[in-house]
């Protein structure tokens, strides 16, 4: 009997499953924001979908969700 597969906990915090795939947050928006222009920070707001070529890797990390 095989053991249970564990979820990659780092990926579980970064990706959420949606009806059509996975959504993710933009990178470079966590610290040292004073040198970044307001326009750049505004463009990094919100979420986007994971690129189709990366979906198999994300699915593998989030097996049991």
N, C-alpha and C. Protein backbone atom coordinates (compact mmCIF):
# COMPACT_ATOMS: atom_id res chain seq x y z
N UNK A 1 0.84 -1.19 0.00
CA UNK A 1 0.00 0.00 0.00
C UNK A 1 0.88 1.25 0.00
N UNK A 2 0.62 2.14 -0.92
CA UNK A 2 1.41 3.37 -1.02
C UNK A 2 0.96 4.40 0.00
N UNK A 3 1.88 5.28 0.39
CA UNK A 3 1.54 6.34 1.33
C UNK A 3 0.80 7.47 0.64
N UNK A 4 0.27 8.37 1.44
CA UNK A 4 -0.45 9.50 0.89
C UNK A 4 0.54 10.51 0.31
N UNK A 5 0.11 11.19 -0.75
CA UNK A 5 0.93 12.23 -1.34
C UNK A 5 0.65 13.55 -0.64
N UNK A 6 1.70 14.28 -0.32
CA UNK A 6 1.52 15.55 0.36
C UNK A 6 1.45 16.70 -0.64
N UNK A 7 0.65 17.69 -0.29
CA UNK A 7 0.56 18.91 -1.08
C UNK A 7 1.83 19.72 -0.87
N UNK A 8 2.32 20.35 -1.91
CA UNK A 8 3.46 21.26 -1.79
C UNK A 8 2.93 22.52 -1.08
N UNK A 9 3.32 22.72 0.18
CA UNK A 9 2.71 23.77 0.99
C UNK A 9 3.02 25.16 0.46
N UNK A 10 4.19 25.35 -0.16
CA UNK A 10 4.51 26.65 -0.74
C UNK A 10 3.59 26.97 -1.91
N UNK A 11 3.31 25.97 -2.74
CA UNK A 11 2.41 26.17 -3.89
C UNK A 11 0.98 26.38 -3.43
N UNK A 12 0.58 25.71 -2.36
CA UNK A 12 -0.79 25.84 -1.85
C UNK A 12 -1.07 27.27 -1.41
N UNK A 13 -0.03 27.97 -0.94
CA UNK A 13 -0.21 29.37 -0.51
C UNK A 13 -0.22 30.32 -1.70
N UNK A 14 0.33 29.92 -2.83
CA UNK A 14 0.50 30.82 -3.97
C UNK A 14 -0.53 30.66 -5.09
N UNK A 15 -1.13 29.50 -5.22
CA UNK A 15 -2.06 29.25 -6.31
C UNK A 15 -3.43 28.86 -5.79
N UNK A 16 -4.50 29.30 -6.51
CA UNK A 16 -5.86 28.91 -6.18
C UNK A 16 -6.49 28.30 -7.42
N UNK A 17 -7.22 27.20 -7.23
CA UNK A 17 -7.88 26.52 -8.34
C UNK A 17 -9.12 27.31 -8.75
N UNK A 18 -9.32 27.47 -10.07
CA UNK A 18 -10.53 28.10 -10.59
C UNK A 18 -11.19 27.12 -11.55
N UNK A 19 -12.31 27.52 -12.11
CA UNK A 19 -13.03 26.65 -13.03
C UNK A 19 -12.23 26.32 -14.26
N UNK A 20 -11.42 27.26 -14.73
CA UNK A 20 -10.69 27.06 -15.98
C UNK A 20 -9.20 26.80 -15.79
N UNK A 21 -8.71 26.81 -14.56
CA UNK A 21 -7.28 26.57 -14.34
C UNK A 21 -6.85 27.01 -12.95
N UNK A 22 -5.79 27.82 -12.88
CA UNK A 22 -5.28 28.31 -11.60
C UNK A 22 -5.02 29.80 -11.70
N UNK A 23 -5.23 30.51 -10.58
CA UNK A 23 -4.89 31.92 -10.57
C UNK A 23 -3.71 32.17 -9.66
N UNK A 24 -2.97 33.24 -9.96
CA UNK A 24 -1.77 33.57 -9.21
C UNK A 24 -1.66 35.07 -9.03
N UNK A 25 -0.86 35.48 -8.05
CA UNK A 25 -0.61 36.89 -7.79
C UNK A 25 0.64 37.30 -8.57
N UNK A 26 0.75 38.60 -8.87
CA UNK A 26 1.93 39.10 -9.55
C UNK A 26 3.13 39.10 -8.63
N UNK A 27 4.30 38.89 -9.18
CA UNK A 27 5.55 38.91 -8.42
C UNK A 27 6.02 40.36 -8.25
N UNK A 28 7.05 40.55 -7.43
CA UNK A 28 7.71 41.85 -7.21
C UNK A 28 6.79 42.88 -6.55
N UNK A 29 5.91 42.43 -5.67
CA UNK A 29 4.97 43.37 -5.04
C UNK A 29 4.96 43.19 -3.53
N UNK A 30 6.07 42.72 -2.95
CA UNK A 30 6.05 42.43 -1.51
C UNK A 30 6.86 43.40 -0.67
N UNK A 31 8.00 43.85 -1.12
CA UNK A 31 8.81 44.78 -0.32
C UNK A 31 9.71 45.62 -1.21
N UNK A 32 10.36 46.62 -0.64
CA UNK A 32 11.18 47.61 -1.34
C UNK A 32 10.35 48.27 -2.46
N UNK A 33 9.19 48.80 -2.09
CA UNK A 33 8.29 49.39 -3.07
C UNK A 33 8.50 50.89 -3.23
N UNK A 34 9.34 51.49 -2.39
CA UNK A 34 9.52 52.95 -2.44
C UNK A 34 10.20 53.38 -3.73
N UNK A 35 11.10 52.56 -4.27
CA UNK A 35 11.79 52.93 -5.50
C UNK A 35 10.99 52.61 -6.75
N UNK A 36 9.88 51.90 -6.60
CA UNK A 36 9.06 51.52 -7.74
C UNK A 36 8.04 52.61 -8.03
N UNK A 37 7.81 52.88 -9.30
CA UNK A 37 6.85 53.92 -9.66
C UNK A 37 5.43 53.49 -9.32
N UNK A 38 4.57 54.47 -9.11
CA UNK A 38 3.17 54.20 -8.79
C UNK A 38 2.50 53.42 -9.91
N UNK A 39 2.85 53.77 -11.15
CA UNK A 39 2.28 53.07 -12.30
C UNK A 39 2.62 51.59 -12.27
N UNK A 40 3.88 51.28 -11.96
CA UNK A 40 4.31 49.87 -11.92
C UNK A 40 3.59 49.11 -10.83
N UNK A 41 3.47 49.72 -9.65
CA UNK A 41 2.78 49.06 -8.53
C UNK A 41 1.32 48.82 -8.86
N UNK A 42 0.70 49.77 -9.54
CA UNK A 42 -0.70 49.64 -9.93
C UNK A 42 -0.88 48.51 -10.93
N UNK A 43 0.07 48.37 -11.87
CA UNK A 43 -0.02 47.30 -12.87
C UNK A 43 0.17 45.92 -12.26
N UNK A 44 0.86 45.84 -11.12
CA UNK A 44 1.11 44.55 -10.48
C UNK A 44 -0.01 44.12 -9.55
N UNK A 45 -1.03 44.97 -9.39
CA UNK A 45 -2.16 44.61 -8.55
C UNK A 45 -3.00 43.52 -9.19
N UNK A 46 -3.79 42.83 -8.37
CA UNK A 46 -4.72 41.85 -8.89
C UNK A 46 -4.08 40.51 -9.20
N UNK A 47 -4.84 39.65 -9.83
CA UNK A 47 -4.37 38.30 -10.12
C UNK A 47 -4.41 38.04 -11.63
N UNK A 48 -3.68 37.04 -12.04
CA UNK A 48 -3.73 36.59 -13.43
C UNK A 48 -3.73 35.07 -13.42
N UNK A 49 -3.95 34.49 -14.58
CA UNK A 49 -4.00 33.03 -14.62
C UNK A 49 -2.61 32.46 -14.89
N UNK A 50 -2.41 31.24 -14.46
CA UNK A 50 -1.14 30.54 -14.68
C UNK A 50 -1.03 30.20 -16.16
N UNK A 51 0.13 30.38 -16.74
CA UNK A 51 0.34 30.10 -18.16
C UNK A 51 0.11 28.61 -18.44
N UNK A 52 -0.51 28.29 -19.56
CA UNK A 52 -0.82 26.89 -19.88
C UNK A 52 0.38 25.94 -19.80
N UNK A 53 1.59 26.42 -20.12
CA UNK A 53 2.76 25.55 -20.06
C UNK A 53 3.17 25.24 -18.62
N UNK A 54 2.73 26.06 -17.65
CA UNK A 54 3.07 25.83 -16.25
C UNK A 54 1.99 25.06 -15.49
N UNK A 55 0.82 24.88 -16.10
CA UNK A 55 -0.29 24.22 -15.42
C UNK A 55 0.05 22.79 -14.98
N UNK A 56 0.71 21.95 -15.80
CA UNK A 56 1.03 20.60 -15.32
C UNK A 56 1.89 20.58 -14.07
N UNK A 57 2.84 21.50 -13.96
CA UNK A 57 3.70 21.57 -12.77
C UNK A 57 2.89 21.97 -11.54
N UNK A 58 1.98 22.95 -11.71
CA UNK A 58 1.15 23.40 -10.59
C UNK A 58 0.20 22.27 -10.17
N UNK A 59 -0.38 21.58 -11.14
CA UNK A 59 -1.28 20.45 -10.82
C UNK A 59 -0.54 19.38 -10.03
N UNK A 60 0.70 19.12 -10.39
CA UNK A 60 1.48 18.10 -9.71
C UNK A 60 1.76 18.50 -8.26
N UNK A 61 2.00 19.79 -8.03
CA UNK A 61 2.27 20.26 -6.67
C UNK A 61 1.00 20.30 -5.81
N UNK A 62 -0.15 20.48 -6.44
CA UNK A 62 -1.41 20.59 -5.72
C UNK A 62 -2.28 19.35 -5.95
N UNK A 63 -1.69 18.20 -5.91
CA UNK A 63 -2.38 16.94 -6.24
C UNK A 63 -3.73 16.75 -5.56
N UNK A 64 -3.78 16.95 -4.26
CA UNK A 64 -4.98 16.54 -3.52
C UNK A 64 -5.89 17.70 -3.15
N UNK A 65 -5.76 18.85 -3.85
CA UNK A 65 -6.68 19.97 -3.56
C UNK A 65 -7.76 19.97 -4.61
